[in-house]
Amino acid sequence: MLLHQETTDLIIKCFYKVYNELGFGFLEKVFENAMLIELRANGLIASKQVPVEVFYEGILVGSYFADIIVEDKIIY
């Protein structure tokens, strides 16, 4: 069994619902906003554009913004 299997399965379900509804061809931001709506509608805690620091051997080597973080444990 994968780590966080139930949450991952629900995220995938949300993705397919959004994709089937919107289709393709939109900018990433449109899908990000729709995913956030769908994840929250399914009872998940989701935040977008979350700053994440990246460390290598205990040293900060950079940072970036994760599109979506789900339940404070999965980066989407």
PDB file of N, CA and C in Angstrom:
ATOM      1  N   MET A   1       0.846  -1.187   0.000  1.00  0.00           N
ATOM      2  CA  MET A   1       0.000   0.000   0.000  1.00  0.00           C
ATOM      3  C   MET A   1       0.883   1.239   0.000  1.00  0.00           C
ATOM      4  N   LEU A   2       0.498   2.209  -0.782  1.00  0.00           N
ATOM      5  CA  LEU A   2       1.234   3.462  -0.861  1.00  0.00           C
ATOM      6  C   LEU A   2       0.983   4.338   0.361  1.00  0.00           C
ATOM      7  N   LEU A   3       1.936   5.194   0.632  1.00  0.00           N
ATOM      8  CA  LEU A   3       1.785   6.172   1.697  1.00  0.00           C
ATOM      9  C   LEU A   3       0.646   7.129   1.333  1.00  0.00           C
ATOM     10  N   HIS A   4      -0.267   7.357   2.268  1.00  0.00           N
ATOM     11  CA  HIS A   4      -1.413   8.260   2.068  1.00  0.00           C
ATOM     12  C   HIS A   4      -2.311   7.781   0.913  1.00  0.00           C
ATOM     13  N   GLN A   5      -2.507   6.485   0.791  1.00  0.00           N
ATOM     14  CA  GLN A   5      -3.245   5.887  -0.322  1.00  0.00           C
ATOM     15  C   GLN A   5      -4.654   6.456  -0.478  1.00  0.00           C
ATOM     16  N   GLU A   6      -5.396   6.559   0.624  1.00  0.00           N
ATOM     17  CA  GLU A   6      -6.787   7.045   0.530  1.00  0.00           C
ATOM     18  C   GLU A   6      -6.839   8.487   0.020  1.00  0.00           C
ATOM     19  N   THR A   7      -5.965   9.321   0.538  1.00  0.00           N
ATOM     20  CA  THR A   7      -5.936  10.720   0.102  1.00  0.00           C
ATOM     21  C   THR A   7      -5.523  10.808  -1.361  1.00  0.00           C
ATOM     22  N   THR A   8      -4.517  10.027  -1.737  1.00  0.00           N
ATOM     23  CA  THR A   8      -4.052  10.020  -3.127  1.00  0.00           C
ATOM     24  C   THR A   8      -5.160   9.572  -4.068  1.00  0.00           C
ATOM     25  N   ASP A   9      -5.891   8.536  -3.693  1.00  0.00           N
ATOM     26  CA  ASP A   9      -7.005   8.060  -4.523  1.00  0.00           C
ATOM     27  C   ASP A   9      -8.055   9.153  -4.708  1.00  0.00           C
ATOM     28  N   LEU A  10      -8.352   9.887  -3.649  1.00  0.00           N
ATOM     29  CA  LEU A  10      -9.344  10.954  -3.730  1.00  0.00           C
ATOM     30  C   LEU A  10      -8.836  12.106  -4.609  1.00  0.00           C
ATOM     31  N   ILE A  11      -7.560  12.428  -4.516  1.00  0.00           N
ATOM     32  CA  ILE A  11      -6.985  13.472  -5.372  1.00  0.00           C
ATOM     33  C   ILE A  11      -7.110  13.075  -6.840  1.00  0.00           C
ATOM     34  N   ILE A  12      -6.814  11.819  -7.145  1.00  0.00           N
ATOM     35  CA  ILE A  12      -6.918  11.338  -8.532  1.00  0.00           C
ATOM     36  C   ILE A  12      -8.361  11.406  -9.012  1.00  0.00           C
ATOM     37  N   LYS A  13      -9.288  11.036  -8.156  1.00  0.00           N
ATOM     38  CA  LYS A  13     -10.716  11.126  -8.502  1.00  0.00           C
ATOM     39  C   LYS A  13     -11.090  12.581  -8.818  1.00  0.00           C
ATOM     40  N   CYS A  14     -10.623  13.507  -7.992  1.00  0.00           N
ATOM     41  CA  CYS A  14     -10.898  14.929  -8.218  1.00  0.00           C
ATOM     42  C   CYS A  14     -10.293  15.386  -9.540  1.00  0.00           C
ATOM     43  N   PHE A  15      -9.064  14.948  -9.823  1.00  0.00           N
ATOM     44  CA  PHE A  15      -8.407  15.325 -11.070  1.00  0.00           C
ATOM     45  C   PHE A  15      -9.236  14.898 -12.280  1.00  0.00           C
ATOM     46  N   TYR A  16      -9.687  13.645 -12.275  1.00  0.00           N
ATOM     47  CA  TYR A  16     -10.454  13.155 -13.425  1.00  0.00           C
ATOM     48  C   TYR A  16     -11.773  13.897 -13.581  1.00  0.00           C
ATOM     49  N   LYS A  17     -12.394  14.260 -12.454  1.00  0.00           N
ATOM     50  CA  LYS A  17     -13.645  15.014 -12.552  1.00  0.00           C
ATOM     51  C   LYS A  17     -13.392  16.378 -13.189  1.00  0.00           C
ATOM     52  N   VAL A  18     -12.342  17.060 -12.738  1.00  0.00           N
ATOM     53  CA  VAL A  18     -12.005  18.374 -13.303  1.00  0.00           C
ATOM     54  C   VAL A  18     -11.649  18.242 -14.778  1.00  0.00           C
ATOM     55  N   TYR A  19     -10.816  17.273 -15.110  1.00  0.00           N
ATOM     56  CA  TYR A  19     -10.388  17.093 -16.500  1.00  0.00           C
ATOM     57  C   TYR A  19     -11.575  16.767 -17.409  1.00  0.00           C
ATOM     58  N   ASN A  20     -12.454  15.884 -16.950  1.00  0.00           N
ATOM     59  CA  ASN A  20     -13.616  15.514 -17.760  1.00  0.00           C
ATOM     60  C   ASN A  20     -14.583  16.682 -17.943  1.00  0.00           C
ATOM     61  N   GLU A  21     -14.634  17.553 -16.960  1.00  0.00           N
ATOM     62  CA  GLU A  21     -15.523  18.721 -17.044  1.00  0.00           C
ATOM     63  C   GLU A  21     -14.935  19.815 -17.941  1.00  0.00           C
ATOM     64  N   LEU A  22     -13.637  20.107 -17.763  1.00  0.00           N
ATOM     65  CA  LEU A  22     -13.017  21.220 -18.492  1.00  0.00           C
ATOM     66  C   LEU A  22     -12.416  20.820 -19.836  1.00  0.00           C
ATOM     67  N   GLY A  23     -12.001  19.566 -19.945  1.00  0.00           N
ATOM     68  CA  GLY A  23     -11.298  19.163 -21.158  1.00  0.00           C
ATOM     69  C   GLY A  23      -9.867  19.662 -21.114  1.00  0.00           C
ATOM     70  N   PHE A  24      -9.305  19.962 -22.268  1.00  0.00           N
ATOM     71  CA  PHE A  24      -7.917  20.416 -22.319  1.00  0.00           C
ATOM     72  C   PHE A  24      -7.842  21.763 -23.020  1.00  0.00           C
ATOM     73  N   GLY A  25      -6.685  22.390 -22.938  1.00  0.00           N
ATOM     74  CA  GLY A  25      -6.463  23.631 -23.664  1.00  0.00           C
ATOM     75  C   GLY A  25      -6.464  24.882 -22.817  1.00  0.00           C
ATOM     76  N   PHE A  26      -6.802  24.757 -21.531  1.00  0.00           N
ATOM     77  CA  PHE A  26      -6.789  25.940 -20.666  1.00  0.00           C
ATOM     78  C   PHE A  26      -5.411  26.133 -20.053  1.00  0.00           C
ATOM     79  N   LEU A  27      -5.147  27.325 -19.585  1.00  0.00           N
ATOM     80  CA  LEU A  27      -3.908  27.588 -18.867  1.00  0.00           C
ATOM     81  C   LEU A  27      -3.888  26.818 -17.553  1.00  0.00           C
ATOM     82  N   GLU A  28      -2.675  26.571 -17.061  1.00  0.00           N
ATOM     83  CA  GLU A  28      -2.504  25.816 -15.817  1.00  0.00           C
ATOM     84  C   GLU A  28      -3.285  26.425 -14.661  1.00  0.00           C
ATOM     85  N   LYS A  29      -3.345  27.740 -14.589  1.00  0.00           N
ATOM     86  CA  LYS A  29      -4.033  28.420 -13.490  1.00  0.00           C
ATOM     87  C   LYS A  29      -5.512  28.054 -13.436  1.00  0.00           C
ATOM     88  N   VAL A  30      -6.151  27.850 -14.589  1.00  0.00           N
ATOM     89  CA  VAL A  30      -7.563  27.449 -14.634  1.00  0.00           C
ATOM     90  C   VAL A  30      -7.732  26.078 -13.983  1.00  0.00           C
ATOM     91  N   PHE A  31      -6.865  25.128 -14.340  1.00  0.00           N
ATOM     92  CA  PHE A  31      -6.941  23.794 -13.745  1.00  0.00           C
ATOM     93  C   PHE A  31      -6.622  23.838 -12.252  1.00  0.00           C
ATOM     94  N   GLU A  32      -5.648  24.640 -11.872  1.00  0.00           N
ATOM     95  CA  GLU A  32      -5.290  24.773 -10.455  1.00  0.00           C
ATOM     96  C   GLU A  32      -6.482  25.266  -9.645  1.00  0.00           C
ATOM     97  N   ASN A  33      -7.157  26.301 -10.129  1.00  0.00           N
ATOM     98  CA  ASN A  33      -8.319  26.845  -9.419  1.00  0.00           C
ATOM     99  C   ASN A  33      -9.456  25.833  -9.349  1.00  0.00           C
ATOM    100  N   ALA A  34      -9.704  25.126 -10.447  1.00  0.00           N
ATOM    101  CA  ALA A  34     -10.763  24.115 -10.463  1.00  0.00           C
ATOM    102  C   ALA A  34     -10.433  22.957  -9.524  1.00  0.00           C
ATOM    103  N   MET A  35      -9.164  22.534  -9.509  1.00  0.00           N
ATOM    104  CA  MET A  35      -8.757  21.458  -8.604  1.00  0.00           C
ATOM    105  C   MET A  35      -8.943  21.859  -7.154  1.00  0.00           C
ATOM    106  N   LEU A  36      -8.615  23.086  -6.836  1.00  0.00           N
ATOM    107  CA  LEU A  36      -8.776  23.557  -5.466  1.00  0.00           C
ATOM    108  C   LEU A  36     -10.247  23.479  -5.048  1.00  0.00           C
ATOM    109  N   ILE A  37     -11.128  23.894  -5.932  1.00  0.00           N
ATOM    110  CA  ILE A  37     -12.566  23.820  -5.652  1.00  0.00           C
ATOM    111  C   ILE A  37     -12.991  22.370  -5.436  1.00  0.00           C
ATOM    112  N   GLU A  38     -12.568  21.483  -6.320  1.00  0.00           N
ATOM    113  CA  GLU A  38     -12.984  20.078  -6.247  1.00  0.00           C
ATOM    114  C   GLU A  38     -12.395  19.372  -5.027  1.00  0.00           C
ATOM    115  N   LEU A  39     -11.136  19.632  -4.725  1.00  0.00           N
ATOM    116  CA  LEU A  39     -10.514  19.017  -3.544  1.00  0.00           C
ATOM    117  C   LEU A  39     -11.258  19.424  -2.279  1.00  0.00           C
ATOM    118  N   ARG A  40     -11.549  20.697  -2.148  1.00  0.00           N
ATOM    119  CA  ARG A  40     -12.265  21.188  -0.965  1.00  0.00           C
ATOM    120  C   ARG A  40     -13.689  20.651  -0.913  1.00  0.00           C
ATOM    121  N   ALA A  41     -14.335  20.526  -2.077  1.00  0.00           N
ATOM    122  CA  ALA A  41     -15.699  19.979  -2.117  1.00  0.00           C
ATOM    123  C   ALA A  41     -15.721  18.525  -1.652  1.00  0.00           C
ATOM    124  N   ASN A  42     -14.585  17.843  -1.766  1.00  0.00           N
ATOM    125  CA  ASN A  42     -14.479  16.456  -1.324  1.00  0.00           C
ATOM    126  C   ASN A  42     -13.917  16.333   0.087  1.00  0.00           C
ATOM    127  N   GLY A  43     -13.912  17.448   0.810  1.00  0.00           N
ATOM    128  CA  GLY A  43     -13.550  17.430   2.220  1.00  0.00           C
ATOM    129  C   GLY A  43     -12.060  17.460   2.516  1.00  0.00           C
ATOM    130  N   LEU A  44     -11.243  17.750   1.518  1.00  0.00           N
ATOM    131  CA  LEU A  44      -9.800  17.811   1.739  1.00  0.00           C
ATOM    132  C   LEU A  44      -9.372  19.244   2.046  1.00  0.00           C
ATOM    133  N   ILE A  45      -8.366  19.371   2.871  1.00  0.00           N
ATOM    134  CA  ILE A  45      -7.776  20.673   3.148  1.00  0.00           C
ATOM    135  C   ILE A  45      -6.730  20.910   2.064  1.00  0.00           C
ATOM    136  N   ALA A  46      -6.899  21.965   1.297  1.00  0.00           N
ATOM    137  CA  ALA A  46      -5.991  22.238   0.181  1.00  0.00           C
ATOM    138  C   ALA A  46      -5.670  23.723   0.129  1.00  0.00           C
ATOM    139  N   SER A  47      -4.391  24.014  -0.089  1.00  0.00           N
ATOM    140  CA  SER A  47      -3.922  25.390  -0.206  1.00  0.00           C
ATOM    141  C   SER A  47      -3.136  25.524  -1.493  1.00  0.00           C
ATOM    142  N   LYS A  48      -3.186  26.710  -2.117  1.00  0.00           N
ATOM    143  CA  LYS A  48      -2.456  26.884  -3.369  1.00  0.00           C
ATOM    144  C   LYS A  48      -1.325  27.883  -3.215  1.00  0.00           C
ATOM    145  N   GLN A  49      -0.335  27.744  -4.102  1.00  0.00           N
ATOM    146  CA  GLN A  49       0.839  28.611  -4.143  1.00  0.00           C
ATOM    147  C   GLN A  49       1.505  28.728  -2.772  1.00  0.00           C
ATOM    148  N   VAL A  50       1.822  27.569  -2.199  1.00  0.00           N
ATOM    149  CA  VAL A  50       2.438  27.497  -0.877  1.00  0.00           C
ATOM    150  C   VAL A  50       3.964  27.551  -1.032  1.00  0.00           C
ATOM    151  N   PRO A  51       4.629  28.481  -0.327  1.00  0.00           N
ATOM    152  CA  PRO A  51       6.083  28.530  -0.420  1.00  0.00           C
ATOM    153  C   PRO A  51       6.710  27.316   0.269  1.00  0.00           C
ATOM    154  N   VAL A  52       7.685  26.703  -0.398  1.00  0.00           N
ATOM    155  CA  VAL A  52       8.366  25.519   0.127  1.00  0.00           C
ATOM    156  C   VAL A  52       9.872  25.745   0.023  1.00  0.00           C
ATOM    157  N   GLU A  53      10.562  25.599   1.148  1.00  0.00           N
ATOM    158  CA  GLU A  53      12.016  25.702   1.140  1.00  0.00           C
ATOM    159  C   GLU A  53      12.600  24.326   0.829  1.00  0.00           C
ATOM    160  N   VAL A  54      13.675  24.299   0.050  1.00  0.00           N
ATOM    161  CA  VAL A  54      14.315  23.051  -0.356  1.00  0.00           C
ATOM    162  C   VAL A  54      15.710  22.994   0.270  1.00  0.00           C
ATOM    163  N   PHE A  55      15.969  21.878   0.945  1.00  0.00           N
ATOM    164  CA  PHE A  55      17.256  21.698   1.610  1.00  0.00           C
ATOM    165  C   PHE A  55      18.015  20.532   0.990  1.00  0.00           C
ATOM    166  N   TYR A  56      19.324  20.660   0.944  1.00  0.00           N
ATOM    167  CA  TYR A  56      20.204  19.582   0.520  1.00  0.00           C
ATOM    168  C   TYR A  56      21.265  19.434   1.602  1.00  0.00           C
ATOM    169  N   GLU A  57      21.319  18.253   2.193  1.00  0.00           N
ATOM    170  CA  GLU A  57      22.251  17.964   3.279  1.00  0.00           C
ATOM    171  C   GLU A  57      22.174  19.024   4.369  1.00  0.00           C
ATOM    172  N   GLY A  58      20.949  19.412   4.686  1.00  0.00           N
ATOM    173  CA  GLY A  58      20.714  20.359   5.760  1.00  0.00           C
ATOM    174  C   GLY A  58      20.951  21.813   5.409  1.00  0.00           C
ATOM    175  N   ILE A  59      21.279  22.093   4.157  1.00  0.00           N
ATOM    176  CA  ILE A  59      21.552  23.458   3.737  1.00  0.00           C
ATOM    177  C   ILE A  59      20.454  23.919   2.778  1.00  0.00           C
ATOM    178  N   LEU A  60      19.918  25.098   3.045  1.00  0.00           N
ATOM    179  CA  LEU A  60      18.894  25.666   2.174  1.00  0.00           C
ATOM    180  C   LEU A  60      19.504  25.954   0.804  1.00  0.00           C
ATOM    181  N   VAL A  61      18.938  25.331  -0.234  1.00  0.00           N
ATOM    182  CA  VAL A  61      19.460  25.516  -1.590  1.00  0.00           C
ATOM    183  C   VAL A  61      18.488  26.260  -2.501  1.00  0.00           C
ATOM    184  N   GLY A  62      17.318  26.539  -2.007  1.00  0.00           N
ATOM    185  CA  GLY A  62      16.363  27.272  -2.823  1.00  0.00           C
ATOM    186  C   GLY A  62      14.961  27.168  -2.260  1.00  0.00           C
ATOM    187  N   SER A  63      14.063  27.791  -2.973  1.00  0.00           N
ATOM    188  CA  SER A  63      12.656  27.714  -2.587  1.00  0.00           C
ATOM    189  C   SER A  63      11.817  27.831  -3.853  1.00  0.00           C
ATOM    190  N   TYR A  64      10.590  27.374  -3.736  1.00  0.00           N
ATOM    191  CA  TYR A  64       9.655  27.478  -4.856  1.00  0.00           C
ATOM    192  C   TYR A  64       8.245  27.518  -4.290  1.00  0.00           C
ATOM    193  N   PHE A  65       7.279  27.715  -5.141  1.00  0.00           N
ATOM    194  CA  PHE A  65       5.883  27.715  -4.723  1.00  0.00           C
ATOM    195  C   PHE A  65       5.216  26.464  -5.269  1.00  0.00           C
ATOM    196  N   ALA A  66       4.715  25.620  -4.373  1.00  0.00           N
ATOM    197  CA  ALA A  66       3.979  24.429  -4.775  1.00  0.00           C
ATOM    198  C   ALA A  66       2.611  24.877  -5.278  1.00  0.00           C
ATOM    199  N   ASP A  67       2.164  24.323  -6.405  1.00  0.00           N
ATOM    200  CA  ASP A  67       0.860  24.704  -6.948  1.00  0.00           C
ATOM    201  C   ASP A  67      -0.238  24.469  -5.921  1.00  0.00           C
ATOM    202  N   ILE A  68      -0.318  23.239  -5.400  1.00  0.00           N
ATOM    203  CA  ILE A  68      -1.332  22.899  -4.392  1.00  0.00           C
ATOM    204  C   ILE A  68      -0.713  21.935  -3.383  1.00  0.00           C
ATOM    205  N   ILE A  69      -0.990  22.162  -2.119  1.00  0.00           N
ATOM    206  CA  ILE A  69      -0.612  21.214  -1.054  1.00  0.00           C
ATOM    207  C   ILE A  69      -1.906  20.707  -0.456  1.00  0.00           C
ATOM    208  N   VAL A  70      -2.028  19.384  -0.375  1.00  0.00           N
ATOM    209  CA  VAL A  70      -3.251  18.741   0.114  1.00  0.00           C
ATOM    210  C   VAL A  70      -2.963  18.106   1.481  1.00  0.00           C
ATOM    211  N   GLU A  71      -3.793  18.454   2.454  1.00  0.00           N
ATOM    212  CA  GLU A  71      -3.718  17.893   3.794  1.00  0.00           C
ATOM    213  C   GLU A  71      -2.328  18.075   4.431  1.00  0.00           C
ATOM    214  N   ASP A  72      -1.615  19.095   4.034  1.00  0.00           N
ATOM    215  CA  ASP A  72      -0.271  19.390   4.538  1.00  0.00           C
ATOM    216  C   ASP A  72       0.695  18.216   4.395  1.00  0.00           C
ATOM    217  N   LYS A  73       0.457  17.341   3.379  1.00  0.00           N
ATOM    218  CA  LYS A  73       1.351  16.199   3.216  1.00  0.00           C
ATOM    219  C   LYS A  73       1.574  15.787   1.770  1.00  0.00           C
ATOM    220  N   ILE A  74       0.755  16.248   0.846  1.00  0.00           N
ATOM    221  CA  ILE A  74       0.901  15.850  -0.548  1.00  0.00           C
ATOM    222  C   ILE A  74       0.991  17.103  -1.414  1.00  0.00           C
ATOM    223  N   ILE A  75       2.036  17.183  -2.231  1.00  0.00           N
ATOM    224  CA  ILE A  75       2.193  18.297  -3.155  1.00  0.00           C
ATOM    225  C   ILE A  75       1.601  17.878  -4.491  1.00  0.00           C
ATOM    226  N   TYR A  76       0.709  18.720  -5.005  1.00  0.00           N
ATOM    227  CA  TYR A  76       0.080  18.421  -6.296  1.00  0.00           C
ATOM    228  C   TYR A  76       0.507  19.476  -7.279  1.00  0.00           C
TER     229      TYR A  76
END
